[in-house]
Amino acid sequence: MLKDILAKPSIEFIEARDGGEAVALYRAHRPDLVIMDIEMKPMDGIAATRAIHELHPECRVLIVSKYDSPAFRHAAAAAGAFDYLL
């Protein structure tokens, strides 16, 4: 859904099936922005965000979730996400 909303000819999207693949794709491509789902298995979005942030603290990771939870928001910020959107 986000890909359809944000699609422009100048924007390239790389999609991952899970958090581990997201980290690997980040290493390979170093995108300007990572839009991360919080709910993935086996590595969730919080763990993947933390791993990406450890590789490159300047990376901008936006976590998107259906969970409006202060605990998830806090975990996302602690992992290095720059924002958390419902």
Protein backbone atom coordinates (compact mmCIF):
# COMPACT_ATOMS: atom_id res chain seq x y z
CA MET A 1 0.00 0.00 0.00
CA LEU A 2 2.76 2.46 0.89
CA LYS A 3 4.59 1.67 -2.31
CA ASP A 4 1.50 2.63 -4.32
CA ILE A 5 1.05 5.85 -2.36
CA LEU A 6 4.69 6.94 -2.62
CA ALA A 7 5.39 5.73 -6.16
CA LYS A 8 7.14 8.25 -8.38
CA PRO A 9 9.49 7.66 -11.31
CA SER A 10 12.42 9.04 -9.28
CA ILE A 11 11.86 6.70 -6.30
CA GLU A 12 13.24 3.16 -6.28
CA PHE A 13 11.76 0.64 -3.84
CA ILE A 14 13.50 -2.43 -2.49
CA GLU A 15 11.26 -4.77 -0.51
CA ALA A 16 12.24 -7.27 2.16
CA ARG A 17 10.21 -10.23 3.38
CA ASP A 18 11.47 -10.01 6.97
CA GLY A 19 13.78 -8.10 9.27
CA GLY A 20 16.87 -10.15 8.49
CA GLU A 21 16.46 -9.56 4.79
CA ALA A 22 15.85 -5.85 5.47
CA VAL A 23 19.20 -5.61 7.25
CA ALA A 24 20.97 -7.45 4.41
CA LEU A 25 19.33 -5.22 1.78
CA TYR A 26 20.28 -2.14 3.77
CA ARG A 27 23.92 -3.25 3.81
CA ALA A 28 23.87 -3.86 0.05
CA HIS A 29 21.98 -0.75 -1.07
CA ARG A 30 22.20 1.90 1.69
CA PRO A 31 18.82 3.52 0.92
CA ASP A 32 17.99 7.09 1.94
CA LEU A 33 14.99 5.91 3.96
CA VAL A 34 13.86 2.60 5.44
CA ILE A 35 10.14 2.10 6.04
CA MET A 36 9.93 -0.77 8.49
CA ASP A 37 6.96 -2.84 9.57
CA ILE A 38 7.12 -3.72 13.24
CA GLU A 39 5.51 -7.16 12.90
CA MET A 40 7.75 -9.59 11.01
CA LYS A 41 9.20 -13.01 11.73
CA PRO A 42 11.72 -14.32 12.51
CA MET A 43 13.37 -10.88 13.06
CA ASP A 44 10.87 -8.16 13.91
CA GLY A 45 11.07 -4.52 12.87
CA ILE A 46 12.46 -3.34 16.21
CA ALA A 47 15.38 -5.80 16.05
CA ALA A 48 16.00 -4.98 12.38
CA THR A 49 15.94 -1.25 13.11
CA ARG A 50 18.44 -1.76 15.93
CA ALA A 51 20.73 -3.78 13.64
CA ILE A 52 20.57 -1.16 10.88
CA HIS A 53 21.13 1.67 13.35
CA GLU A 54 24.20 -0.13 14.74
CA LEU A 55 25.60 -0.37 11.20
CA HIS A 56 24.88 3.26 10.35
CA PRO A 57 23.48 5.50 13.09
CA GLU A 58 22.64 8.18 10.51
CA CYS A 59 20.17 5.92 8.68
CA ARG A 60 16.58 7.12 8.82
CA VAL A 61 14.21 4.30 9.76
CA LEU A 62 10.48 4.99 9.89
CA ILE A 63 8.50 2.30 11.68
CA VAL A 64 4.92 1.75 10.56
CA SER A 65 2.57 -0.24 12.74
CA LYS A 66 -1.05 -0.96 13.50
CA TYR A 67 -0.16 -1.02 17.22
CA ASP A 68 -0.77 2.24 19.09
CA SER A 69 1.31 1.22 22.06
CA PRO A 70 3.60 3.41 24.18
CA ALA A 71 5.81 0.34 24.73
CA PHE A 72 6.25 -0.16 20.96
CA ARG A 73 6.89 3.56 20.44
CA HIS A 74 9.53 3.55 23.17
CA ALA A 75 11.16 0.38 21.78
CA ALA A 76 11.24 1.90 18.28
CA ALA A 77 12.90 5.09 19.55
CA ALA A 78 15.39 3.11 21.63
CA ALA A 79 16.25 1.02 18.55
CA GLY A 80 17.05 4.19 16.58
CA ALA A 81 13.88 4.84 14.58
CA PHE A 82 13.35 8.50 13.80
CA ASP A 83 9.54 8.15 13.88
CA TYR A 84 6.69 5.71 14.47
CA LEU A 85 3.51 5.99 12.42
CA LEU A 86 0.20 4.24 12.79
